[in-house]
């Protein structure tokens, strides 16, 4: 007779006797799990009580310990007991631990190895008499991640209590150096078997900590998309760099007034100034001339509107609308007035923070689409040329450099000694008939905040994208987070420069 108890010696001797009596009444004396996750004190107490209850046994097993807890929760995932639906695949046995979410799930087969096997003969008291067979276990692979832990921790601290995501990626090869989604969860709770109360608490949390916002949530990119439209305008020769628009704060298109974000307008602007100042009127005017299908073409070339292929499950593909999509999904034609909104990143246009990072990487590296990944690749997958005009890309990069370095909307992220290029975005969540200060709105109606960037501007080594839900202005909420990530990444270089 044998029972298995992996916890529980908070019980009295009378209670243990009653449990043992029920156990003896079960057919075939099948092993029964009474409790788990014993403390050292409970194990010690059981060692004494076991003399009176020889049918009980403490069984020692392995359990994952996630030392960084919530800092890497959405990257690593966690191990959990196999679900009934997973047993149907035939790959697992009941009670086995399998990867749930993150790297644990994506690379489960490579990480799990193979179980060992022992066949033993015991006497009526369970004492070993001989060993018939022994097959050693085989450990799983050791995976080397691309994550820079210092960057990961900096990004999480910088986001703080905000709801959002931050990504740092190498634009030369797609290695993800940091991927943070806040709020997060503690994977150690899941590794120990989550209680019903804890599970209900996570589900009831309106900030949805179980979602990896870097890949599972899609948002309007807002003014970040102006870089895509600028590239299309130059590549299609719709404008020259010298063509100008006079922005007075409001312009009329297709019989409707469209406001620029700046009350009173920006005056006369060319493409460089329009990117630097994020002038809506410029992109309303020339973007509508491109047409939605041409805009969609360049957005998709840069990786928007489709999954990036990152080595995690659950990635959303986003949405880049065009005339064919409108007919197929909405059952009516695309209206030209809708293109005006899409030209500044609004309307039915959606992207994940990781997709924005992929698009920004293609602009930064001279027109190559990288494949983001979290596990080191040997050899790494080669970037693919997206086929856009190199001179157009160079002009867009100069415009993004001006955003940070010529008193543009991203000036708050400027760091002496670094050459950062980027774009801010503030995305309306609800339509507003009048200009409204975000702080006066209910939290869930406040604007989203973006900042997408790369450095150095002339030979990019890192792309940083930050998104803050309902954070208000991109320059106020998102750019400061990116600045701290850059300061961590370039810490040694900055220290040397400041010592000179």
Protein backbone atom coordinates (compact mmCIF):
# COMPACT_ATOMS: atom_id res chain seq x y z
CA UNK A 1 0.00 0.00 0.00
CA UNK A 2 1.34 3.46 -0.91
CA UNK A 3 -0.07 6.97 -0.74
CA UNK A 4 1.63 10.11 -2.01
CA UNK A 5 1.48 13.35 -0.03
CA UNK A 6 3.52 16.29 -1.24
CA UNK A 7 2.29 18.56 1.55
CA UNK A 8 -0.12 18.79 4.35
CA UNK A 9 1.20 18.13 7.70
CA UNK A 10 -0.89 20.98 9.03
CA UNK A 11 -3.35 18.14 9.78
CA UNK A 12 -3.82 16.57 13.22
CA UNK A 13 -3.06 12.90 13.79
CA UNK A 14 -6.80 12.19 13.96
CA UNK A 15 -7.30 13.91 10.59
CA UNK A 16 -4.43 11.95 9.07
CA UNK A 17 -5.90 8.72 10.39
CA UNK A 18 -9.25 9.54 8.79
CA UNK A 19 -7.56 10.32 5.45
CA UNK A 20 -5.67 7.03 5.60
CA UNK A 21 -8.89 5.13 6.34
CA UNK A 22 -10.56 6.66 3.28
CA UNK A 23 -7.49 5.85 1.23
CA UNK A 24 -7.58 2.18 2.26
CA UNK A 25 -11.21 2.04 1.12
CA UNK A 26 -10.35 3.11 -2.44
CA UNK A 27 -10.09 0.36 -5.09
CA UNK A 28 -6.66 -1.00 -5.96
CA UNK A 29 -4.97 1.27 -3.41
CA UNK A 30 -4.21 3.79 -6.15
CA UNK A 31 -1.74 6.56 -5.21
CA UNK A 32 -3.54 9.71 -4.07
CA UNK A 33 -2.16 13.26 -4.13
CA UNK A 34 -3.14 14.86 -0.84
CA UNK A 35 -1.32 18.20 -1.01
CA UNK A 36 1.69 19.84 -2.60
CA UNK A 37 4.27 22.60 -2.15
CA UNK A 38 5.39 21.54 1.34
CA UNK A 39 7.49 23.89 3.41
CA UNK A 40 10.62 22.58 5.11
CA UNK A 41 8.79 22.69 8.42
CA UNK A 42 5.95 20.55 7.08
CA UNK A 43 8.37 18.00 5.68
CA UNK A 44 10.10 17.78 9.06
CA UNK A 45 6.78 17.27 10.85
CA UNK A 46 5.83 14.57 8.39
CA UNK A 47 9.12 12.82 9.07
CA UNK A 48 7.98 12.33 12.67
CA UNK A 49 4.33 11.53 11.90
CA UNK A 50 5.26 9.05 9.18
CA UNK A 51 6.28 6.51 11.85
CA UNK A 52 2.60 6.25 12.78
CA UNK A 53 1.33 6.41 9.18
CA UNK A 54 3.60 4.24 7.01
CA UNK A 55 1.22 4.51 4.05
CA UNK A 56 2.18 8.14 3.47
CA UNK A 57 5.20 9.31 1.56
CA UNK A 58 6.75 12.63 0.65
CA UNK A 59 7.81 12.74 -2.97
CA UNK A 60 10.39 15.27 -4.12
CA UNK A 61 10.06 16.75 -7.61
CA UNK A 62 11.48 19.58 -9.70
CA UNK A 63 9.80 22.95 -10.02
CA UNK A 64 10.72 25.98 -12.09
CA UNK A 65 11.90 29.05 -10.22
CA UNK A 66 11.58 32.27 -12.21
CA UNK A 67 14.05 34.52 -10.46
CA UNK A 68 13.01 37.66 -12.35
CA UNK A 69 9.31 36.91 -11.67
CA UNK A 70 7.12 39.45 -13.50
CA UNK A 71 10.09 41.12 -15.24
CA UNK A 72 10.25 38.32 -17.83
CA UNK A 73 6.79 36.80 -17.43
CA UNK A 74 5.56 37.49 -20.97
CA UNK A 75 8.88 36.47 -22.51
CA UNK A 76 9.45 33.20 -20.63
CA UNK A 77 5.90 32.06 -19.89
CA UNK A 78 5.74 29.24 -17.33
CA UNK A 79 5.47 25.48 -16.86
CA UNK A 80 2.11 24.05 -15.88
CA UNK A 81 0.38 20.69 -15.65
CA UNK A 82 -0.78 19.34 -18.99
CA UNK A 83 -4.41 20.18 -19.79
CA UNK A 84 -7.01 17.68 -20.92
CA UNK A 85 -7.04 19.20 -24.40
CA UNK A 86 -3.26 18.77 -24.65
CA UNK A 87 -3.47 15.10 -23.65
CA UNK A 88 -5.52 14.45 -26.78
CA UNK A 89 -2.45 15.12 -28.93
CA UNK A 90 -0.81 11.95 -27.58
CA UNK A 91 2.48 13.73 -26.93
CA UNK A 92 2.04 14.01 -23.17
CA UNK A 93 1.09 11.87 -20.19
CA UNK A 94 -1.29 12.88 -17.42
CA UNK A 95 0.46 14.91 -14.73
CA UNK A 96 3.35 16.04 -16.94
CA UNK A 97 4.51 19.63 -16.94
CA UNK A 98 4.40 21.45 -20.26
CA UNK A 99 5.21 24.96 -21.43
CA UNK A 100 2.45 27.52 -21.10
CA UNK A 101 2.93 30.81 -22.94
CA UNK A 102 6.20 32.45 -23.90
CA UNK A 103 9.45 30.65 -24.60
CA UNK A 104 8.37 27.76 -22.39
CA UNK A 105 5.52 26.99 -24.79
CA UNK A 106 7.20 27.89 -28.09
CA UNK A 107 10.26 25.73 -27.39
CA UNK A 108 8.66 23.08 -25.18
CA UNK A 109 9.81 20.11 -27.27
CA UNK A 110 13.41 21.32 -27.29
CA UNK A 111 13.43 22.17 -23.58
CA UNK A 112 11.70 19.14 -22.09
CA UNK A 113 14.24 16.38 -22.87
CA UNK A 114 13.27 12.76 -22.14
CA UNK A 115 12.22 11.12 -18.88
CA UNK A 116 14.32 8.39 -17.35
CA UNK A 117 12.94 4.96 -16.38
CA UNK A 118 13.54 2.55 -13.48
CA UNK A 119 12.00 -0.89 -12.99
CA UNK A 120 12.37 -2.14 -9.42
CA UNK A 121 11.20 -5.14 -7.43
CA UNK A 122 10.05 -4.46 -3.87
CA UNK A 123 8.81 -6.63 -1.04
CA UNK A 124 5.43 -6.40 0.72
CA UNK A 125 6.72 -3.49 2.81
CA UNK A 126 7.88 -1.52 -0.20
CA UNK A 127 11.59 -2.21 0.38
CA UNK A 128 13.80 -2.50 -2.69
CA UNK A 129 15.04 -6.05 -3.37
CA UNK A 130 16.57 -5.56 -6.81
CA UNK A 131 16.62 -3.26 -9.79
CA UNK A 132 15.59 -4.80 -13.11
CA UNK A 133 16.15 -1.86 -15.46
CA UNK A 134 17.50 1.67 -15.36
CA UNK A 135 17.38 4.17 -18.19
CA UNK A 136 18.83 7.63 -17.45
CA UNK A 137 16.91 10.76 -18.33
CA UNK A 138 18.10 13.07 -21.10
CA UNK A 139 18.16 16.81 -20.38
CA UNK A 140 16.60 19.25 -22.82
CA UNK A 141 18.47 21.81 -24.87
CA UNK A 142 20.01 24.92 -23.36
CA UNK A 143 18.59 27.95 -25.18
CA UNK A 144 20.43 31.24 -25.28
CA UNK A 145 18.05 34.20 -25.30
CA UNK A 146 18.64 37.53 -27.02
CA UNK A 147 17.26 39.46 -24.04
CA UNK A 148 19.55 41.99 -22.36
CA UNK A 149 18.43 41.72 -18.72
CA UNK A 150 19.59 45.23 -17.82
CA UNK A 151 17.51 46.69 -20.67
CA UNK A 152 14.53 44.52 -19.72
CA UNK A 153 14.64 45.69 -16.12
CA UNK A 154 15.14 49.33 -17.12
CA UNK A 155 12.16 49.22 -19.46
CA UNK A 156 9.90 47.71 -16.82
CA UNK A 157 10.96 50.19 -14.16
CA UNK A 158 10.52 53.09 -16.58
CA UNK A 159 6.99 52.00 -17.52
CA UNK A 160 6.19 51.71 -13.82
CA UNK A 161 2.47 51.50 -13.10
CA UNK A 162 1.53 52.49 -16.65
CA UNK A 163 -0.31 50.04 -18.88
CA UNK A 164 1.75 49.54 -22.01
CA UNK A 165 4.68 47.90 -23.75
CA UNK A 166 8.30 48.60 -24.58
CA UNK A 167 10.51 46.86 -27.14
CA UNK A 168 14.22 47.19 -27.88
CA UNK A 169 15.48 45.35 -30.95
CA UNK A 170 18.64 45.13 -33.04
CA UNK A 171 17.62 46.41 -36.52
CA UNK A 172 20.49 44.52 -38.14
CA UNK A 173 19.39 40.99 -37.26
CA UNK A 174 16.03 41.14 -35.43
CA UNK A 175 17.33 40.13 -32.00
CA UNK A 176 14.89 41.33 -29.34
CA UNK A 177 16.90 42.93 -26.55
CA UNK A 178 13.91 43.80 -24.37
CA UNK A 179 10.20 43.03 -24.54
CA UNK A 180 8.13 44.34 -21.66
CA UNK A 181 4.37 44.35 -21.22
CA UNK A 182 2.84 45.99 -18.16
CA UNK A 183 1.20 45.07 -15.95
CA UNK A 184 2.55 41.52 -15.82
CA UNK A 185 2.03 38.47 -13.63
CA UNK A 186 4.23 36.28 -11.44
CA UNK A 187 4.91 33.01 -13.31
CA UNK A 188 6.00 31.35 -10.06
CA UNK A 189 2.36 31.34 -8.95
CA UNK A 190 1.41 29.35 -12.05
CA UNK A 191 4.37 26.99 -11.67
CA UNK A 192 3.08 26.06 -8.18
CA UNK A 193 -0.51 25.58 -9.36
CA UNK A 194 -2.54 28.76 -9.20
CA UNK A 195 -5.34 28.87 -6.65
CA UNK A 196 -8.91 29.54 -7.75
CA UNK A 197 -8.90 32.91 -5.98
CA UNK A 198 -5.66 33.96 -7.67
CA UNK A 199 -6.99 32.93 -11.09
CA UNK A 200 -10.23 34.86 -10.57
CA UNK A 201 -8.21 37.87 -9.47
CA UNK A 202 -6.21 37.87 -12.71
CA UNK A 203 -9.34 37.47 -14.83
CA UNK A 204 -11.13 40.30 -13.01
CA UNK A 205 -8.21 42.72 -13.37
CA UNK A 206 -9.35 45.38 -15.86
CA UNK A 207 -5.72 46.02 -16.85
CA UNK A 208 -5.43 42.44 -18.20
CA UNK A 209 -1.96 41.46 -16.89
CA UNK A 210 -2.06 38.11 -18.71
CA UNK A 211 -1.97 39.82 -22.13
CA UNK A 212 1.37 40.42 -23.80
CA UNK A 213 0.65 43.86 -25.22
CA UNK A 214 3.80 43.80 -27.32
CA UNK A 215 2.30 41.19 -29.65
CA UNK A 216 -1.29 40.47 -28.61
CA UNK A 217 -2.84 43.95 -28.57
CA UNK A 218 -3.28 46.13 -31.65
CA UNK A 219 -3.58 49.91 -31.67
CA UNK A 220 -3.78 52.77 -34.15
CA UNK A 221 -0.19 53.85 -34.83
CA UNK A 222 -1.15 57.52 -35.09
CA UNK A 223 1.57 59.89 -36.23
CA UNK A 224 4.18 57.12 -36.34
CA UNK A 225 2.50 56.22 -39.62
CA UNK A 226 3.52 59.57 -41.12
CA UNK A 227 6.99 58.08 -41.69
CA UNK A 228 5.38 55.37 -43.86
CA UNK A 229 3.32 57.93 -45.80
CA UNK A 230 6.38 60.16 -46.27
CA UNK A 231 8.28 57.21 -47.72
CA UNK A 232 5.40 56.48 -50.09
CA UNK A 233 5.13 60.13 -51.18
CA UNK A 234 8.83 60.33 -52.05
CA UNK A 235 9.05 56.87 -53.63
CA UNK A 236 5.99 57.47 -55.84
CA UNK A 237 7.22 60.96 -56.76
CA UNK A 238 3.90 62.38 -55.55
CA UNK A 239 5.87 65.20 -53.94
CA UNK A 240 9.38 66.54 -54.06
CA UNK A 241 11.18 67.33 -50.80
CA UNK A 242 10.62 71.03 -51.56
CA UNK A 243 6.83 70.91 -52.07
CA UNK A 244 5.05 72.86 -49.36
CA UNK A 245 1.66 73.11 -47.70
CA UNK A 246 0.36 76.03 -45.64
CA UNK A 247 -1.05 74.74 -42.36
CA UNK A 248 -3.54 77.06 -40.64
CA UNK A 249 -4.71 74.55 -38.03
CA UNK A 250 -7.75 73.37 -40.00
CA UNK A 251 -8.08 72.21 -43.61
CA UNK A 252 -11.02 70.99 -45.66
CA UNK A 253 -10.95 67.73 -47.59
CA UNK A 254 -13.90 66.16 -49.40
CA UNK A 255 -16.20 68.72 -47.85
CA UNK A 256 -15.15 68.02 -44.23
CA UNK A 257 -12.93 70.01 -41.88
CA UNK A 258 -9.86 68.20 -40.50
CA UNK A 259 -7.94 69.72 -37.60
CA UNK A 260 -4.18 69.76 -37.24
CA UNK A 261 -3.01 68.94 -33.73
CA UNK A 262 -1.48 72.43 -33.37
CA UNK A 263 -4.00 75.18 -32.77
CA UNK A 264 -3.23 77.97 -35.23
CA UNK A 265 -1.23 75.66 -37.51
CA UNK A 266 2.41 75.30 -38.50
CA UNK A 267 2.52 77.79 -41.35
CA UNK A 268 4.34 76.80 -44.55
CA UNK A 269 5.94 73.33 -44.23
CA UNK A 270 7.83 70.98 -46.54
CA UNK A 271 8.29 67.25 -45.93
CA UNK A 272 11.23 67.68 -43.55
CA UNK A 273 9.35 70.22 -41.43
CA UNK A 274 6.14 68.17 -41.60
CA UNK A 275 7.91 65.17 -40.09
CA UNK A 276 9.77 67.27 -37.53
CA UNK A 277 6.62 69.07 -36.37
CA UNK A 278 4.25 66.16 -37.08
CA UNK A 279 2.02 68.44 -39.15
CA UNK A 280 -1.32 66.75 -39.81
CA UNK A 281 -2.35 69.15 -42.57
CA UNK A 282 0.66 68.25 -44.72
CA UNK A 283 -0.18 64.54 -44.59
CA UNK A 284 -3.93 65.14 -45.00
CA UNK A 285 -3.20 67.05 -48.21
CA UNK A 286 -0.62 64.85 -49.91
CA UNK A 287 -1.62 61.53 -48.35
CA UNK A 288 -5.08 61.73 -49.88
CA UNK A 289 -3.42 62.15 -53.30
CA UNK A 290 -1.63 58.82 -52.86
CA UNK A 291 -4.82 56.84 -52.36
CA UNK A 292 -5.41 54.05 -49.89
CA UNK A 293 -4.04 51.21 -52.04
CA UNK A 294 -0.66 52.90 -52.51
CA UNK A 295 -0.43 53.72 -48.81
CA UNK A 296 -1.28 50.10 -47.98
CA UNK A 297 1.43 48.86 -50.36
CA UNK A 298 4.22 50.69 -48.53
CA UNK A 299 2.84 49.85 -45.08
CA UNK A 300 2.96 46.15 -45.94
CA UNK A 301 6.44 46.43 -47.43
CA UNK A 302 7.63 47.63 -44.02
CA UNK A 303 5.95 44.72 -42.23
CA UNK A 304 2.64 46.19 -41.07
CA UNK A 305 -0.61 44.29 -41.53
CA UNK A 306 0.91 40.84 -40.97
CA UNK A 307 2.44 38.87 -38.14
CA UNK A 308 6.15 39.49 -37.70
CA UNK A 309 6.88 35.78 -37.16
CA UNK A 310 8.34 36.25 -33.69
CA UNK A 311 9.00 32.97 -31.88
CA UNK A 312 6.04 33.35 -29.50
CA UNK A 313 2.45 32.20 -29.89
CA UNK A 314 -0.60 34.44 -29.95
CA UNK A 315 0.78 37.23 -32.14
CA UNK A 316 -1.86 39.43 -33.80
CA UNK A 317 -1.48 40.39 -37.45
CA UNK A 318 -2.82 43.93 -37.18
CA UNK A 319 -4.71 45.59 -40.02
CA UNK A 320 -3.72 47.65 -43.04
CA UNK A 321 -6.92 48.55 -44.90
CA UNK A 322 -7.30 48.96 -48.65
CA UNK A 323 -10.13 49.08 -51.18
CA UNK A 324 -10.29 45.28 -51.52
CA UNK A 325 -10.48 44.85 -47.72
CA UNK A 326 -13.37 47.32 -47.54
CA UNK A 327 -15.38 45.41 -50.13
CA UNK A 328 -14.65 42.03 -48.56
CA UNK A 329 -15.16 42.93 -44.90
CA UNK A 330 -17.41 45.98 -44.79
CA UNK A 331 -19.32 45.18 -48.00
CA UNK A 332 -18.96 48.69 -49.41
CA UNK A 333 -16.36 50.69 -51.30
CA UNK A 334 -13.56 52.61 -49.67
CA UNK A 335 -14.45 56.30 -49.36
CA UNK A 336 -11.71 58.77 -50.37
CA UNK A 337 -12.35 60.81 -47.22
CA UNK A 338 -11.22 57.83 -45.13
CA UNK A 339 -7.77 58.06 -46.70
CA UNK A 340 -7.33 61.47 -45.08
CA UNK A 341 -7.53 59.87 -41.62
CA UNK A 342 -5.32 56.90 -42.53
CA UNK A 343 -2.65 59.32 -43.80
CA UNK A 344 -2.02 60.36 -40.18
CA UNK A 345 -2.31 56.84 -38.75
CA UNK A 346 -5.96 56.90 -37.69
CA UNK A 347 -9.02 55.13 -39.09
CA UNK A 348 -9.18 51.33 -39.52
CA UNK A 349 -5.42 50.92 -39.19
CA UNK A 350 -3.98 48.72 -36.43
CA UNK A 351 -0.53 47.53 -35.41
CA UNK A 352 1.18 45.84 -32.49
CA UNK A 353 4.20 47.49 -30.85
CA UNK A 354 6.41 44.74 -32.28
CA UNK A 355 5.14 45.40 -35.82
CA UNK A 356 5.97 49.08 -35.34
CA UNK A 357 9.49 48.04 -34.28
CA UNK A 358 9.88 45.93 -37.44
CA UNK A 359 8.74 48.85 -39.63
CA UNK A 360 11.06 51.27 -37.84
CA UNK A 361 13.94 48.80 -38.24
CA UNK A 362 13.40 48.72 -42.03
CA UNK A 363 13.57 52.51 -42.15
CA UNK A 364 16.64 52.56 -39.90
CA UNK A 365 18.67 49.84 -41.65
CA UNK A 366 18.24 51.08 -45.21
CA UNK A 367 15.23 49.04 -46.33
CA UNK A 368 15.61 45.50 -44.98
CA UNK A 369 12.89 43.57 -43.17
CA UNK A 370 14.22 41.69 -40.16
CA UNK A 371 12.60 38.73 -38.41
CA UNK A 372 12.31 39.41 -34.67
CA UNK A 373 13.28 36.57 -32.38
CA UNK A 374 14.03 35.86 -28.71
CA UNK A 375 16.27 32.80 -29.06
CA UNK A 376 19.72 33.19 -30.60
CA UNK A 377 19.88 31.84 -34.14
CA UNK A 378 22.96 30.16 -35.60
CA UNK A 379 23.23 31.34 -38.29
CA UNK A 380 20.75 34.22 -37.95
CA UNK A 381 18.04 34.54 -40.59
CA UNK A 382 19.15 37.06 -43.21
CA UNK A 383 17.09 40.28 -43.52
CA UNK A 384 15.18 40.70 -46.79
CA UNK A 385 15.27 43.83 -48.93
CA UNK A 386 11.81 45.39 -49.06
CA UNK A 387 12.44 47.17 -52.36
CA UNK A 388 12.01 50.86 -51.54
CA UNK A 389 13.92 53.88 -52.82
CA UNK A 390 17.15 54.32 -50.77
CA UNK A 391 17.13 58.09 -51.27
CA UNK A 392 13.54 58.30 -50.04
CA UNK A 393 14.53 56.29 -46.97
CA UNK A 394 17.47 58.61 -46.32
CA UNK A 395 15.22 61.67 -46.43
CA UNK A 396 12.73 60.06 -44.05
CA UNK A 397 15.56 59.24 -41.64
CA UNK A 398 16.71 62.87 -41.74
CA UNK A 399 13.17 63.96 -40.93
CA UNK A 400 13.04 61.55 -37.98
CA UNK A 401 16.42 62.79 -36.80
CA UNK A 402 14.98 66.33 -36.82
CA UNK A 403 12.10 65.20 -34.58
CA UNK A 404 14.61 64.68 -31.77
CA UNK A 405 17.45 67.04 -32.64
CA UNK A 406 15.84 70.13 -34.22
CA UNK A 407 13.38 70.98 -31.43
CA UNK A 408 10.73 68.72 -32.89
CA UNK A 409 8.06 66.81 -31.00
CA UNK A 410 10.62 64.30 -29.69
CA UNK A 411 13.14 66.77 -28.28
CA UNK A 412 12.59 65.45 -24.75
CA UNK A 413 14.45 62.23 -25.60
CA UNK A 414 17.62 64.00 -26.77
CA UNK A 415 20.79 62.78 -25.04
CA UNK A 416 24.12 64.58 -25.39
CA UNK A 417 26.58 62.31 -27.17
CA UNK A 418 23.91 60.17 -28.88
CA UNK A 419 22.38 60.51 -32.32
CA UNK A 420 18.75 59.42 -31.88
CA UNK A 421 16.04 59.58 -34.55
CA UNK A 422 12.40 58.94 -33.81
CA UNK A 423 8.73 59.83 -34.03
CA UNK A 424 6.13 60.62 -31.39
CA UNK A 425 2.43 59.86 -31.71
CA UNK A 426 -0.67 60.75 -29.74
CA UNK A 427 -3.67 58.63 -30.71
CA UNK A 428 -7.24 59.64 -29.99
CA UNK A 429 -9.28 56.90 -28.32
CA UNK A 430 -12.65 58.64 -28.71
CA UNK A 431 -13.75 61.22 -31.24
CA UNK A 432 -13.61 64.77 -29.89
CA UNK A 433 -15.54 67.62 -31.48
CA UNK A 434 -13.49 70.18 -29.58
CA UNK A 435 -9.89 70.31 -28.42
CA UNK A 436 -9.90 68.73 -24.96
CA UNK A 437 -7.13 68.49 -22.40
CA UNK A 438 -6.45 64.79 -21.74
CA UNK A 439 -6.23 65.18 -17.99
CA UNK A 440 -9.86 66.32 -17.87
CA UNK A 441 -11.11 63.11 -19.52
CA UNK A 442 -11.90 59.80 -17.81
CA UNK A 443 -8.86 57.51 -17.89
CA UNK A 444 -10.32 55.12 -20.48
CA UNK A 445 -11.00 58.02 -22.89
CA UNK A 446 -7.52 59.54 -22.76
CA UNK A 447 -5.21 59.40 -25.76
CA UNK A 448 -2.66 56.63 -26.25
CA UNK A 449 1.03 57.60 -26.37
CA UNK A 450 3.74 56.25 -28.73
CA UNK A 451 7.41 56.83 -29.34
CA UNK A 452 9.29 54.84 -32.02
CA UNK A 453 12.99 55.47 -32.57
CA UNK A 454 16.46 54.20 -33.45
CA UNK A 455 20.11 55.07 -32.81
CA UNK A 456 22.59 56.00 -34.07
CA UNK A 457 20.62 57.71 -36.83
CA UNK A 458 23.26 57.05 -39.50
CA UNK A 459 24.09 53.42 -38.63
CA UNK A 460 21.39 52.07 -36.35
CA UNK A 461 22.29 49.52 -33.67
CA UNK A 462 19.05 49.59 -31.69
CA UNK A 463 15.36 50.31 -32.28
CA UNK A 464 13.24 51.34 -29.29
CA UNK A 465 9.43 51.44 -29.38
CA UNK A 466 7.32 52.48 -26.38
CA UNK A 467 3.54 52.45 -26.10
CA UNK A 468 1.54 53.73 -23.10
CA UNK A 469 -2.21 53.09 -22.99
CA UNK A 470 -4.14 56.27 -22.20
CA UNK A 471 -0.84 57.96 -21.48
CA UNK A 472 -1.66 61.23 -23.26
CA UNK A 473 1.04 62.83 -25.41
CA UNK A 474 3.79 60.63 -26.85
CA UNK A 475 6.45 63.19 -25.98
CA UNK A 476 5.34 63.26 -22.33
CA UNK A 477 4.49 59.63 -21.59
CA UNK A 478 6.37 57.40 -24.03
CA UNK A 479 9.55 59.29 -24.98
CA UNK A 480 10.93 59.47 -21.39
CA UNK A 481 10.72 55.66 -21.16
CA UNK A 482 12.71 55.32 -24.39
CA UNK A 483 15.28 57.80 -23.10
CA UNK A 484 15.99 55.62 -20.06
CA UNK A 485 16.39 52.55 -22.28
CA UNK A 486 18.92 54.39 -24.44
CA UNK A 487 20.81 55.59 -21.38
CA UNK A 488 21.11 52.01 -20.15
CA UNK A 489 22.13 50.60 -23.55
CA UNK A 490 24.78 53.28 -24.12
CA UNK A 491 25.80 53.69 -20.49
CA UNK A 492 29.46 52.80 -20.91
CA UNK A 493 29.84 54.96 -24.03
CA UNK A 494 28.20 57.94 -22.32
CA UNK A 495 30.40 57.57 -19.25
CA UNK A 496 33.54 57.61 -21.42
CA UNK A 497 32.36 60.65 -23.40
CA UNK A 498 31.49 62.62 -20.27
CA UNK A 499 34.89 61.82 -18.77
CA UNK A 500 36.70 63.50 -21.65
